[in-house]
PDB file of N, CA and C in Angstrom:
ATOM      1  N   ILE A   1      30.493 -77.020  15.987  1.00  0.00           N
ATOM      2  CA  ILE A   1      30.248 -77.762  14.762  1.00  0.00           C
ATOM      3  C   ILE A   1      28.838 -78.334  14.845  1.00  0.00           C
ATOM      4  N   SER A   2      28.084 -78.186  13.776  1.00  0.00           N
ATOM      5  CA  SER A   2      26.713 -78.693  13.739  1.00  0.00           C
ATOM      6  C   SER A   2      26.719 -80.204  13.529  1.00  0.00           C
ATOM      7  N   ARG A   3      25.554 -80.791  13.598  1.00  0.00           N
ATOM      8  CA  ARG A   3      25.431 -82.237  13.346  1.00  0.00           C
ATOM      9  C   ARG A   3      25.776 -82.586  11.906  1.00  0.00           C
ATOM     10  N   GLU A   4      25.700 -81.587  11.047  1.00  0.00           N
ATOM     11  CA  GLU A   4      26.054 -81.793   9.641  1.00  0.00           C
ATOM     12  C   GLU A   4      27.550 -81.600   9.401  1.00  0.00           C
ATOM     13  N   GLY A   5      28.297 -81.272  10.460  1.00  0.00           N
ATOM     14  CA  GLY A   5      29.740 -81.101  10.342  1.00  0.00           C
ATOM     15  C   GLY A   5      30.182 -79.713   9.915  1.00  0.00           C
ATOM     16  N   GLU A   6      29.268 -78.745   9.960  1.00  0.00           N
ATOM     17  CA  GLU A   6      29.607 -77.379   9.571  1.00  0.00           C
ATOM     18  C   GLU A   6      29.858 -76.527  10.812  1.00  0.00           C
ATOM     19  N   PHE A   7      30.718 -75.520  10.649  1.00  0.00           N
ATOM     20  CA  PHE A   7      31.008 -74.631  11.764  1.00  0.00           C
ATOM     21  C   PHE A   7      29.789 -73.776  12.078  1.00  0.00           C
ATOM     22  N   VAL A   8      29.353 -73.807  13.325  1.00  0.00           N
ATOM     23  CA  VAL A   8      28.297 -72.926  13.809  1.00  0.00           C
ATOM     24  C   VAL A   8      28.952 -71.628  14.276  1.00  0.00           C
ATOM     25  N   VAL A   9      30.068 -71.771  14.972  1.00  0.00           N
ATOM     26  CA  VAL A   9      30.877 -70.649  15.423  1.00  0.00           C
ATOM     27  C   VAL A   9      32.215 -70.759  14.702  1.00  0.00           C
ATOM     28  N   PRO A  10      32.622 -69.730  13.963  1.00  0.00           N
ATOM     29  CA  PRO A  10      33.910 -69.797  13.260  1.00  0.00           C
ATOM     30  C   PRO A  10      35.061 -70.057  14.238  1.00  0.00           C
ATOM     31  N   PRO A  11      36.049 -70.837  13.828  1.00  0.00           N
ATOM     32  CA  PRO A  11      37.154 -71.191  14.735  1.00  0.00           C
ATOM     33  C   PRO A  11      38.137 -70.032  14.933  1.00  0.00           C
ATOM     34  N   ARG A  12      37.836 -69.172  15.905  1.00  0.00           N
ATOM     35  CA  ARG A  12      38.710 -68.029  16.176  1.00  0.00           C
ATOM     36  C   ARG A  12      39.208 -68.002  17.621  1.00  0.00           C
ATOM     37  N   PHE A  13      38.923 -69.052  18.357  1.00  0.00           N
ATOM     38  CA  PHE A  13      39.340 -69.134  19.751  1.00  0.00           C
ATOM     39  C   PHE A  13      40.482 -70.131  19.879  1.00  0.00           C
ATOM     40  N   ASP A  14      41.296 -69.972  20.917  1.00  0.00           N
ATOM     41  CA  ASP A  14      42.360 -70.937  21.178  1.00  0.00           C
ATOM     42  C   ASP A  14      41.786 -72.239  21.720  1.00  0.00           C
ATOM     43  N   TYR A  15      40.628 -72.140  22.366  1.00  0.00           N
ATOM     44  CA  TYR A  15      39.942 -73.310  22.912  1.00  0.00           C
ATOM     45  C   TYR A  15      38.474 -72.957  23.038  1.00  0.00           C
ATOM     46  N   ALA A  16      37.610 -73.912  22.789  1.00  0.00           N
ATOM     47  CA  ALA A  16      36.174 -73.739  23.032  1.00  0.00           C
ATOM     48  C   ALA A  16      35.606 -75.084  23.445  1.00  0.00           C
ATOM     49  N   ASP A  17      34.753 -75.067  24.447  1.00  0.00           N
ATOM     50  CA  ASP A  17      34.143 -76.280  24.980  1.00  0.00           C
ATOM     51  C   ASP A  17      32.736 -76.430  24.406  1.00  0.00           C
ATOM     52  N   SER A  18      32.064 -77.491  24.790  1.00  0.00           N
ATOM     53  CA  SER A  18      30.672 -77.716  24.390  1.00  0.00           C
ATOM     54  C   SER A  18      29.765 -76.700  25.080  1.00  0.00           C
ATOM     55  N   PHE A  19      28.586 -76.495  24.499  1.00  0.00           N
ATOM     56  CA  PHE A  19      27.617 -75.585  25.100  1.00  0.00           C
ATOM     57  C   PHE A  19      26.874 -76.269  26.236  1.00  0.00           C
ATOM     58  N   ALA A  20      26.652 -75.503  27.298  1.00  0.00           N
ATOM     59  CA  ALA A  20      25.863 -75.948  28.447  1.00  0.00           C
ATOM     60  C   ALA A  20      25.047 -74.750  28.911  1.00  0.00           C
ATOM     61  N   GLU A  21      23.746 -74.932  29.013  1.00  0.00           N
ATOM     62  CA  GLU A  21      22.846 -73.870  29.453  1.00  0.00           C
ATOM     63  C   GLU A  21      22.980 -72.617  28.580  1.00  0.00           C
ATOM     64  N   GLY A  22      23.271 -72.809  27.287  1.00  0.00           N
ATOM     65  CA  GLY A  22      23.326 -71.702  26.345  1.00  0.00           C
ATOM     66  C   GLY A  22      24.673 -71.008  26.220  1.00  0.00           C
ATOM     67  N   PHE A  23      25.679 -71.470  26.952  1.00  0.00           N
ATOM     68  CA  PHE A  23      27.000 -70.844  26.937  1.00  0.00           C
ATOM     69  C   PHE A  23      28.076 -71.902  26.720  1.00  0.00           C
ATOM     70  N   ALA A  24      29.185 -71.469  26.149  1.00  0.00           N
ATOM     71  CA  ALA A  24      30.354 -72.345  26.027  1.00  0.00           C
ATOM     72  C   ALA A  24      31.562 -71.612  26.587  1.00  0.00           C
ATOM     73  N   VAL A  25      32.393 -72.343  27.298  1.00  0.00           N
ATOM     74  CA  VAL A  25      33.670 -71.791  27.737  1.00  0.00           C
ATOM     75  C   VAL A  25      34.523 -71.592  26.492  1.00  0.00           C
ATOM     76  N   ALA A  26      35.160 -70.437  26.383  1.00  0.00           N
ATOM     77  CA  ALA A  26      36.076 -70.172  25.269  1.00  0.00           C
ATOM     78  C   ALA A  26      37.319 -69.492  25.826  1.00  0.00           C
ATOM     79  N   GLN A  27      38.433 -69.791  25.201  1.00  0.00           N
ATOM     80  CA  GLN A  27      39.696 -69.212  25.644  1.00  0.00           C
ATOM     81  C   GLN A  27      40.365 -68.486  24.492  1.00  0.00           C
ATOM     82  N   LYS A  28      40.876 -67.316  24.806  1.00  0.00           N
ATOM     83  CA  LYS A  28      41.648 -66.520  23.855  1.00  0.00           C
ATOM     84  C   LYS A  28      42.904 -66.088  24.601  1.00  0.00           C
ATOM     85  N   GLY A  29      44.049 -66.570  24.171  1.00  0.00           N
ATOM     86  CA  GLY A  29      45.282 -66.269  24.892  1.00  0.00           C
ATOM     87  C   GLY A  29      45.303 -66.997  26.222  1.00  0.00           C
ATOM     88  N   GLU A  30      45.635 -66.277  27.272  1.00  0.00           N
ATOM     89  CA  GLU A  30      45.789 -66.872  28.609  1.00  0.00           C
ATOM     90  C   GLU A  30      44.491 -66.885  29.420  1.00  0.00           C
ATOM     91  N   GLN A  31      43.429 -66.243  28.924  1.00  0.00           N
ATOM     92  CA  GLN A  31      42.226 -66.097  29.737  1.00  0.00           C
ATOM     93  C   GLN A  31      41.007 -66.706  29.059  1.00  0.00           C
ATOM     94  N   CYS A  32      40.028 -67.065  29.888  1.00  0.00           N
ATOM     95  CA  CYS A  32      38.800 -67.654  29.360  1.00  0.00           C
ATOM     96  C   CYS A  32      37.594 -66.837  29.803  1.00  0.00           C
ATOM     97  N   GLY A  33      36.509 -67.053  29.072  1.00  0.00           N
ATOM     98  CA  GLY A  33      35.231 -66.419  29.348  1.00  0.00           C
ATOM     99  C   GLY A  33      34.153 -67.283  28.719  1.00  0.00           C
ATOM    100  N   TYR A  34      33.017 -66.689  28.369  1.00  0.00           N
ATOM    101  CA  TYR A  34      31.879 -67.455  27.862  1.00  0.00           C
ATOM    102  C   TYR A  34      31.320 -66.805  26.605  1.00  0.00           C
ATOM    103  N   ILE A  35      30.988 -67.657  25.635  1.00  0.00           N
ATOM    104  CA  ILE A  35      30.399 -67.193  24.379  1.00  0.00           C
ATOM    105  C   ILE A  35      28.986 -67.746  24.235  1.00  0.00           C
ATOM    106  N   ASN A  36      28.194 -67.066  23.388  1.00  0.00           N
ATOM    107  CA  ASN A  36      26.866 -67.579  23.048  1.00  0.00           C
ATOM    108  C   ASN A  36      26.961 -68.398  21.762  1.00  0.00           C
ATOM    109  N   SER A  37      25.836 -68.866  21.263  1.00  0.00           N
ATOM    110  CA  SER A  37      25.832 -69.750  20.088  1.00  0.00           C
ATOM    111  C   SER A  37      26.249 -69.036  18.801  1.00  0.00           C
ATOM    112  N   LYS A  38      26.312 -67.705  18.826  1.00  0.00           N
ATOM    113  CA  LYS A  38      26.793 -66.950  17.664  1.00  0.00           C
ATOM    114  C   LYS A  38      28.305 -66.727  17.721  1.00  0.00           C
ATOM    115  N   GLY A  39      28.915 -67.113  18.843  1.00  0.00           N
ATOM    116  CA  GLY A  39      30.349 -66.913  19.009  1.00  0.00           C
ATOM    117  C   GLY A  39      30.715 -65.570  19.591  1.00  0.00           C
ATOM    118  N   ASP A  40      29.705 -64.835  20.079  1.00  0.00           N
ATOM    119  CA  ASP A  40      29.955 -63.531  20.699  1.00  0.00           C
ATOM    120  C   ASP A  40      30.289 -63.721  22.174  1.00  0.00           C
ATOM    121  N   TRP A  41      31.240 -62.922  22.656  1.00  0.00           N
ATOM    122  CA  TRP A  41      31.540 -62.953  24.088  1.00  0.00           C
ATOM    123  C   TRP A  41      30.339 -62.408  24.857  1.00  0.00           C
ATOM    124  N   VAL A  42      29.812 -63.167  25.785  1.00  0.00           N
ATOM    125  CA  VAL A  42      28.753 -62.674  26.668  1.00  0.00           C
ATOM    126  C   VAL A  42      29.304 -62.428  28.066  1.00  0.00           C
ATOM    127  N   ILE A  43      30.381 -63.122  28.404  1.00  0.00           N
ATOM    128  CA  ILE A  43      31.148 -62.852  29.620  1.00  0.00           C
ATOM    129  C   ILE A  43      32.606 -62.807  29.164  1.00  0.00           C
ATOM    130  N   LYS A  44      33.180 -61.631  29.226  1.00  0.00           N
ATOM    131  CA  LYS A  44      34.520 -61.385  28.671  1.00  0.00           C
ATOM    132  C   LYS A  44      35.569 -62.330  29.275  1.00  0.00           C
ATOM    133  N   PRO A  45      36.617 -62.633  28.514  1.00  0.00           N
ATOM    134  CA  PRO A  45      37.668 -63.533  28.999  1.00  0.00           C
ATOM    135  C   PRO A  45      38.588 -62.846  30.007  1.00  0.00           C
ATOM    136  N   THR A  46      38.238 -62.979  31.282  1.00  0.00           N
ATOM    137  CA  THR A  46      39.017 -62.359  32.357  1.00  0.00           C
ATOM    138  C   THR A  46      39.458 -63.369  33.406  1.00  0.00           C
ATOM    139  N   PHE A  47      39.186 -64.645  33.180  1.00  0.00           N
ATOM    140  CA  PHE A  47      39.454 -65.677  34.182  1.00  0.00           C
ATOM    141  C   PHE A  47      40.618 -66.566  33.761  1.00  0.00           C
ATOM    142  N   VAL A  48      41.274 -67.177  34.743  1.00  0.00           N
ATOM    143  CA  VAL A  48      42.382 -68.101  34.494  1.00  0.00           C
ATOM    144  C   VAL A  48      41.846 -69.453  34.028  1.00  0.00           C
ATOM    145  N   SER A  49      40.771 -69.921  34.662  1.00  0.00           N
ATOM    146  CA  SER A  49      40.117 -71.185  34.306  1.00  0.00           C
ATOM    147  C   SER A  49      38.615 -70.995  34.422  1.00  0.00           C
ATOM    148  N   CYS A  50      37.871 -71.743  33.615  1.00  0.00           N
ATOM    149  CA  CYS A  50      36.413 -71.644  33.613  1.00  0.00           C
ATOM    150  C   CYS A  50      35.801 -73.035  33.546  1.00  0.00           C
ATOM    151  N   GLN A  51      34.707 -73.222  34.269  1.00  0.00           N
ATOM    152  CA  GLN A  51      33.916 -74.446  34.174  1.00  0.00           C
ATOM    153  C   GLN A  51      32.636 -74.139  33.404  1.00  0.00           C
ATOM    154  N   SER A  52      32.022 -75.164  32.858  1.00  0.00           N
ATOM    155  CA  SER A  52      30.727 -75.002  32.194  1.00  0.00           C
ATOM    156  C   SER A  52      29.665 -74.626  33.219  1.00  0.00           C
ATOM    157  N   PHE A  53      28.603 -73.983  32.745  1.00  0.00           N
ATOM    158  CA  PHE A  53      27.498 -73.643  33.632  1.00  0.00           C
ATOM    159  C   PHE A  53      26.752 -74.896  34.055  1.00  0.00           C
ATOM    160  N   SER A  54      26.331 -74.902  35.302  1.00  0.00           N
ATOM    161  CA  SER A  54      25.553 -75.991  35.878  1.00  0.00           C
ATOM    162  C   SER A  54      24.624 -75.377  36.912  1.00  0.00           C
ATOM    163  N   GLU A  55      23.333 -75.578  36.727  1.00  0.00           N
ATOM    164  CA  GLU A  55      22.330 -75.005  37.631  1.00  0.00           C
ATOM    165  C   GLU A  55      22.448 -73.483  37.702  1.00  0.00           C
ATOM    166  N   GLY A  56      22.789 -72.855  36.568  1.00  0.00           N
ATOM    167  CA  GLY A  56      22.829 -71.401  36.481  1.00  0.00           C
ATOM    168  C   GLY A  56      24.104 -70.749  36.979  1.00  0.00           C
ATOM    169  N   LEU A  57      25.048 -71.541  37.485  1.00  0.00           N
ATOM    170  CA  LEU A  57      26.309 -70.995  37.982  1.00  0.00           C
ATOM    171  C   LEU A  57      27.484 -71.699  37.321  1.00  0.00           C
ATOM    172  N   ALA A  58      28.603 -70.997  37.246  1.00  0.00           N
ATOM    173  CA  ALA A  58      29.821 -71.588  36.684  1.00  0.00           C
ATOM    174  C   ALA A  58      30.994 -71.267  37.594  1.00  0.00           C
ATOM    175  N   GLY A  59      31.835 -72.253  37.810  1.00  0.00           N
ATOM    176  CA  GLY A  59      33.058 -72.038  38.575  1.00  0.00           C
ATOM    177  C   GLY A  59      34.078 -71.296  37.727  1.00  0.00           C
ATOM    178  N   VAL A  60      34.699 -70.276  38.322  1.00  0.00           N
ATOM    179  CA  VAL A  60      35.749 -69.522  37.639  1.00  0.00           C
ATOM    180  C   VAL A  60      36.933 -69.359  38.587  1.00  0.00           C
ATOM    181  N   ARG A  61      38.114 -69.386  38.006  1.00  0.00           N
ATOM    182  CA  ARG A  61      39.344 -69.292  38.796  1.00  0.00           C
ATOM    183  C   ARG A  61      40.044 -67.981  38.466  1.00  0.00           C
ATOM    184  N   ILE A  62      40.444 -67.277  39.527  1.00  0.00           N
ATOM    185  CA  ILE A  62      41.133 -66.001  39.354  1.00  0.00           C
ATOM    186  C   ILE A  62      42.552 -66.098  39.910  1.00  0.00           C
ATOM    187  N   ARG A  63      43.373 -65.174  39.475  1.00  0.00           N
ATOM    188  CA  ARG A  63      44.749 -65.061  39.959  1.00  0.00           C
ATOM    189  C   ARG A  63      44.802 -63.850  40.873  1.00  0.00           C
ATOM    190  N   ARG A  64      45.356 -64.042  42.066  1.00  0.00           N
ATOM    191  CA  ARG A  64      45.464 -62.940  43.022  1.00  0.00           C
ATOM    192  C   ARG A  64      46.921 -62.855  43.480  1.00  0.00           C
ATOM    193  N   GLN A  65      47.507 -61.677  43.342  1.00  0.00           N
ATOM    194  CA  GLN A  65      48.902 -61.496  43.744  1.00  0.00           C
ATOM    195  C   GLN A  65      48.970 -60.595  44.957  1.00  0.00           C
ATOM    196  N   THR A  66      49.706 -61.055  45.981  1.00  0.00           N
ATOM    197  CA  THR A  66      49.955 -60.272  47.179  1.00  0.00           C
ATOM    198  C   THR A  66      51.468 -60.200  47.347  1.00  0.00           C
ATOM    199  N   GLY A  67      52.049 -59.056  47.075  1.00  0.00           N
ATOM    200  CA  GLY A  67      53.508 -58.939  47.106  1.00  0.00           C
ATOM    201  C   GLY A  67      54.111 -59.832  46.038  1.00  0.00           C
ATOM    202  N   ASN A  68      55.021 -60.701  46.439  1.00  0.00           N
ATOM    203  CA  ASN A  68      55.646 -61.640  45.506  1.00  0.00           C
ATOM    204  C   ASN A  68      54.881 -62.947  45.395  1.00  0.00           C
ATOM    205  N   ARG A  69      53.846 -63.104  46.178  1.00  0.00           N
ATOM    206  CA  ARG A  69      53.103 -64.367  46.229  1.00  0.00           C
ATOM    207  C   ARG A  69      51.900 -64.331  45.286  1.00  0.00           C
ATOM    208  N   ILE A  70      51.779 -65.386  44.483  1.00  0.00           N
ATOM    209  CA  ILE A  70      50.640 -65.508  43.569  1.00  0.00           C
ATOM    210  C   ILE A  70      49.803 -66.701  44.004  1.00  0.00           C
ATOM    211  N   ASN A  71      48.507 -66.481  44.167  1.00  0.00           N
ATOM    212  CA  ASN A  71      47.572 -67.548  44.525  1.00  0.00           C
ATOM    213  C   ASN A  71      46.430 -67.568  43.518  1.00  0.00           C
ATOM    214  N   TYR A  72      45.814 -68.726  43.410  1.00  0.00           N
ATOM    215  CA  TYR A  72      44.678 -68.914  42.510  1.00  0.00           C
ATOM    216  C   TYR A  72      43.488 -69.388  43.332  1.00  0.00           C
ATOM    217  N   TYR A  73      42.326 -68.791  43.088  1.00  0.00           N
ATOM    218  CA  TYR A  73      41.129 -69.116  43.856  1.00  0.00           C
ATOM    219  C   TYR A  73      39.932 -69.302  42.930  1.00  0.00           C
ATOM    220  N   TRP A  74      39.063 -70.227  43.322  1.00  0.00           N
ATOM    221  CA  TRP A  74      37.819 -70.491  42.601  1.00  0.00           C
ATOM    222  C   TRP A  74      36.649 -69.823  43.303  1.00  0.00           C
ATOM    223  N   GLY A  75      35.715 -69.346  42.505  1.00  0.00           N
ATOM    224  CA  GLY A  75      34.438 -68.838  42.970  1.00  0.00           C
ATOM    225  C   GLY A  75      33.397 -69.173  41.913  1.00  0.00           C
ATOM    226  N   TYR A  76      32.212 -68.587  42.008  1.00  0.00           N
ATOM    227  CA  TYR A  76      31.131 -68.886  41.064  1.00  0.00           C
ATOM    228  C   TYR A  76      30.494 -67.596  40.567  1.00  0.00           C
ATOM    229  N   ILE A  77      30.172 -67.594  39.263  1.00  0.00           N
ATOM    230  CA  ILE A  77      29.471 -66.465  38.653  1.00  0.00           C
ATOM    231  C   ILE A  77      28.121 -66.937  38.125  1.00  0.00           C
ATOM    232  N   ASP A  78      27.224 -65.958  37.904  1.00  0.00           N
ATOM    233  CA  ASP A  78      25.945 -66.288  37.276  1.00  0.00           C
ATOM    234  C   ASP A  78      26.050 -66.057  35.769  1.00  0.00           C
ATOM    235  N   GLN A  79      24.938 -66.170  35.074  1.00  0.00           N
ATOM    236  CA  GLN A  79      24.944 -66.124  33.615  1.00  0.00           C
ATOM    237  C   GLN A  79      25.091 -64.722  33.025  1.00  0.00           C
ATOM    238  N   VAL A  80      25.207 -63.717  33.859  1.00  0.00           N
ATOM    239  CA  VAL A  80      25.548 -62.375  33.367  1.00  0.00           C
ATOM    240  C   VAL A  80      26.950 -61.971  33.811  1.00  0.00           C
ATOM    241  N   GLY A  81      27.652 -62.886  34.471  1.00  0.00           N
ATOM    242  CA  GLY A  81      29.029 -62.638  34.882  1.00  0.00           C
ATOM    243  C   GLY A  81      29.193 -62.042  36.257  1.00  0.00           C
ATOM    244  N   GLN A  82      28.090 -61.913  36.994  1.00  0.00           N
ATOM    245  CA  GLN A  82      28.158 -61.366  38.346  1.00  0.00           C
ATOM    246  C   GLN A  82      28.686 -62.429  39.301  1.00  0.00           C
ATOM    247  N   VAL A  83      29.615 -62.045  40.176  1.00  0.00           N
ATOM    248  CA  VAL A  83      30.147 -62.977  41.167  1.00  0.00           C
ATOM    249  C   VAL A  83      29.061 -63.260  42.198  1.00  0.00           C
ATOM    250  N   ILE A  84      28.711 -64.537  42.346  1.00  0.00           N
ATOM    251  CA  ILE A  84      27.692 -64.956  43.308  1.00  0.00           C
ATOM    252  C   ILE A  84      28.345 -65.532  44.557  1.00  0.00           C
ATOM    253  N   VAL A  85      29.394 -66.325  44.365  1.00  0.00           N
ATOM    254  CA  VAL A  85      30.172 -66.876  45.476  1.00  0.00           C
ATOM    255  C   VAL A  85      31.606 -66.399  45.273  1.00  0.00           C
ATOM    256  N   GLU A  86      32.111 -65.639  46.227  1.00  0.00           N
ATOM    257  CA  GLU A  86      33.446 -65.045  46.108  1.00  0.00           C
ATOM    258  C   GLU A  86      34.523 -66.103  45.878  1.00  0.00           C
ATOM    259  N   PRO A  87      35.537 -65.787  45.087  1.00  0.00           N
ATOM    260  CA  PRO A  87      36.628 -66.731  44.843  1.00  0.00           C
ATOM    261  C   PRO A  87      37.569 -66.833  46.048  1.00  0.00           C
ATOM    262  N   VAL A  88      37.322 -67.846  46.875  1.00  0.00           N
ATOM    263  CA  VAL A  88      38.136 -68.086  48.075  1.00  0.00           C
ATOM    264  C   VAL A  88      38.536 -69.557  48.206  1.00  0.00           C
ATOM    265  N   PHE A  89      38.201 -70.378  47.214  1.00  0.00           N
ATOM    266  CA  PHE A  89      38.407 -71.818  47.319  1.00  0.00           C
ATOM    267  C   PHE A  89      39.603 -72.283  46.502  1.00  0.00           C
ATOM    268  N   ARG A  90      40.297 -73.305  47.008  1.00  0.00           N
ATOM    269  CA  ARG A  90      41.444 -73.892  46.296  1.00  0.00           C
ATOM    270  C   ARG A  90      40.984 -74.710  45.094  1.00  0.00           C
ATOM    271  N   THR A  91      39.882 -75.430  45.241  1.00  0.00           N
ATOM    272  CA  THR A  91      39.264 -76.165  44.136  1.00  0.00           C
ATOM    273  C   THR A  91      37.759 -76.027  44.267  1.00  0.00           C
ATOM    274  N   ALA A  92      37.055 -76.290  43.176  1.00  0.00           N
ATOM    275  CA  ALA A  92      35.597 -76.169  43.183  1.00  0.00           C
ATOM    276  C   ALA A  92      35.015 -77.097  42.128  1.00  0.00           C
ATOM    277  N   SER A  93      33.915 -77.737  42.471  1.00  0.00           N
ATOM    278  CA  SER A  93      33.236 -78.620  41.518  1.00  0.00           C
ATOM    279  C   SER A  93      31.968 -77.935  41.012  1.00  0.00           C
ATOM    280  N   PRO A  94      31.422 -78.408  39.888  1.00  0.00           N
ATOM    281  CA  PRO A  94      30.148 -77.859  39.410  1.00  0.00           C
ATOM    282  C   PRO A  94      29.015 -78.155  40.399  1.00  0.00           C
ATOM    283  N   PHE A  95      27.977 -77.338  40.360  1.00  0.00           N
ATOM    284  CA  PHE A  95      26.813 -77.565  41.210  1.00  0.00           C
ATOM    285  C   PHE A  95      25.999 -78.743  40.693  1.00  0.00           C
ATOM    286  N   ALA A  96      25.488 -79.532  41.626  1.00  0.00           N
ATOM    287  CA  ALA A  96      24.582 -80.645  41.330  1.00  0.00           C
ATOM    288  C   ALA A  96      23.612 -80.745  42.492  1.00  0.00           C
ATOM    289  N   ASP A  97      22.333 -80.765  42.193  1.00  0.00           N
ATOM    290  CA  ASP A  97      21.300 -80.819  43.231  1.00  0.00           C
ATOM    291  C   ASP A  97      21.466 -79.702  44.256  1.00  0.00           C
ATOM    292  N   GLY A  98      21.880 -78.519  43.789  1.00  0.00           N
ATOM    293  CA  GLY A  98      21.973 -77.353  44.656  1.00  0.00           C
ATOM    294  C   GLY A  98      23.227 -77.248  45.495  1.00  0.00           C
ATOM    295  N   LEU A  99      24.153 -78.202  45.355  1.00  0.00           N
ATOM    296  CA  LEU A  99      25.380 -78.188  46.156  1.00  0.00           C
ATOM    297  C   LEU A  99      26.614 -78.316  45.275  1.00  0.00           C
ATOM    298  N   ALA A 100      27.730 -77.788  45.776  1.00  0.00           N
ATOM    299  CA  ALA A 100      29.022 -77.949  45.111  1.00  0.00           C
ATOM    300  C   ALA A 100      30.051 -78.310  46.170  1.00  0.00           C
ATOM    301  N   MET A 101      30.977 -79.186  45.809  1.00  0.00           N
ATOM    302  CA  MET A 101      32.080 -79.541  46.706  1.00  0.00           C
ATOM    303  C   MET A 101      33.224 -78.572  46.438  1.00  0.00           C
ATOM    304  N   VAL A 102      33.717 -77.945  47.502  1.00  0.00           N
ATOM    305  CA  VAL A 102      34.831 -77.010  47.383  1.00  0.00           C
ATOM    306  C   VAL A 102      35.883 -77.354  48.434  1.00  0.00           C
ATOM    307  N   PHE A 103      37.095 -76.929  48.181  1.00  0.00           N
ATOM    308  CA  PHE A 103      38.175 -77.130  49.145  1.00  0.00           C
ATOM    309  C   PHE A 103      38.757 -75.783  49.516  1.00  0.00           C
ATOM    310  N   LYS A 104      38.844 -75.574  50.815  1.00  0.00           N
ATOM    311  CA  LYS A 104      39.457 -74.381  51.362  1.00  0.00           C
ATOM    312  C   LYS A 104      40.650 -74.859  52.187  1.00  0.00           C
ATOM    313  N   ASP A 105      41.149 -74.069  53.061  1.00  0.00           N
ATOM    314  CA  ASP A 105      42.308 -74.463  53.858  1.00  0.00           C
ATOM    315  C   ASP A 105      42.033 -75.655  54.762  1.00  0.00           C
ATOM    316  N   LYS A 106      40.813 -75.783  55.248  1.00  0.00           N
ATOM    317  CA  LYS A 106      40.508 -76.854  56.202  1.00  0.00           C
ATOM    318  C   LYS A 106      40.030 -78.143  55.547  1.00  0.00           C
ATOM    319  N   GLY A 107      40.004 -78.209  54.244  1.00  0.00           N
ATOM    320  CA  GLY A 107      39.572 -79.431  53.561  1.00  0.00           C
ATOM    321  C   GLY A 107      38.302 -79.207  52.772  1.00  0.00           C
ATOM    322  N   GLY A 108      37.677 -80.321  52.379  1.00  0.00           N
ATOM    323  CA  GLY A 108      36.503 -80.261  51.526  1.00  0.00           C
ATOM    324  C   GLY A 108      35.215 -80.053  52.292  1.00  0.00           C
ATOM    325  N   VAL A 109      34.358 -79.215  51.739  1.00  0.00           N
ATOM    326  CA  VAL A 109      33.027 -78.975  52.294  1.00  0.00           C
ATOM    327  C   VAL A 109      32.059 -78.794  51.133  1.00  0.00           C
ATOM    328  N   TYR A 110      30.778 -78.950  51.422  1.00  0.00           N
ATOM    329  CA  TYR A 110      29.741 -78.633  50.449  1.00  0.00           C
ATOM    330  C   TYR A 110      29.248 -77.220  50.722  1.00  0.00           C
ATOM    331  N   ILE A 111      28.940 -76.507  49.646  1.00  0.00           N
ATOM    332  CA  ILE A 111      28.325 -75.186  49.786  1.00  0.00           C
ATOM    333  C   ILE A 111      27.038 -75.154  48.972  1.00  0.00           C
ATOM    334  N   ASN A 112      26.146 -74.221  49.356  1.00  0.00           N
ATOM    335  CA  ASN A 112      24.942 -73.995  48.556  1.00  0.00           C
ATOM    336  C   ASN A 112      25.212 -72.864  47.567  1.00  0.00           C
ATOM    337  N   ARG A 113      24.201 -72.463  46.849  1.00  0.00           N
ATOM    338  CA  ARG A 113      24.343 -71.445  45.797  1.00  0.00           C
ATOM    339  C   ARG A 113      24.719 -70.062  46.336  1.00  0.00           C
ATOM    340  N   PHE A 114      24.668 -69.879  47.629  1.00  0.00           N
ATOM    341  CA  PHE A 114      25.029 -68.601  48.242  1.00  0.00           C
ATOM    342  C   PHE A 114      26.410 -68.644  48.879  1.00  0.00           C
ATOM    343  N   GLY A 115      27.084 -69.800  48.798  1.00  0.00           N
ATOM    344  CA  GLY A 115      28.412 -69.949  49.380  1.00  0.00           C
ATOM    345  C   GLY A 115      28.410 -70.385  50.822  1.00  0.00           C
ATOM    346  N   ASN A 116      27.220 -70.681  51.373  1.00  0.00           N
ATOM    347  CA  ASN A 116      27.135 -71.136  52.761  1.00  0.00           C
ATOM    348  C   ASN A 116      27.498 -72.612  52.860  1.00  0.00           C
ATOM    349  N   GLU A 117      28.321 -72.964  53.866  1.00  0.00           N
ATOM    350  CA  GLU A 117      28.682 -74.362  54.081  1.00  0.00           C
ATOM    351  C   GLU A 117      27.463 -75.142  54.544  1.00  0.00           C
ATOM    352  N   ILE A 118      27.329 -76.353  54.015  1.00  0.00           N
ATOM    353  CA  ILE A 118      26.184 -77.205  54.314  1.00  0.00           C
ATOM    354  C   ILE A 118      26.682 -78.505  54.927  1.00  0.00           C
ATOM    355  N   SER A 119      26.063 -78.907  56.024  1.00  0.00           N
ATOM    356  CA  SER A 119      26.384 -80.200  56.637  1.00  0.00           C
ATOM    357  C   SER A 119      25.702 -81.303  55.859  1.00  0.00           C
ATOM    358  N   VAL A 120      26.468 -82.299  55.478  1.00  0.00           N
ATOM    359  CA  VAL A 120      25.916 -83.454  54.776  1.00  0.00           C
ATOM    360  C   VAL A 120      26.146 -84.664  55.655  1.00  0.00           C
ATOM    361  N   ARG A 121      25.062 -85.382  55.947  1.00  0.00           N
ATOM    362  CA  ARG A 121      25.179 -86.556  56.833  1.00  0.00           C
ATOM    363  C   ARG A 121      24.976 -87.816  56.072  1.00  0.00           C
TER     364      ARG A 121
END
């Protein structure tokens, strides 16, 4: 919706968030992806959960099934939808100052934009 109260993107999504770094999270059915300011999908809705872009990366959550067991993992994609940090985390926060807080089996750690764990003192 514009500042004048008019639709910029027609309401055709089940959910749409605010724009960040030129993209908005949008959901259609059970999956989410990213749209541009025209309402076109730029990253198709293939994720279970999506975070807004921050510092060029966005947290995305995938569903992985092994036998009868279903698990959900967070990773990070870039602005063309390429996976930059593999989805292996139980939770993930947006990047700030080059770091993101993630939780794996051993607890919370900070990672950099490449997925490397960083010691914070």
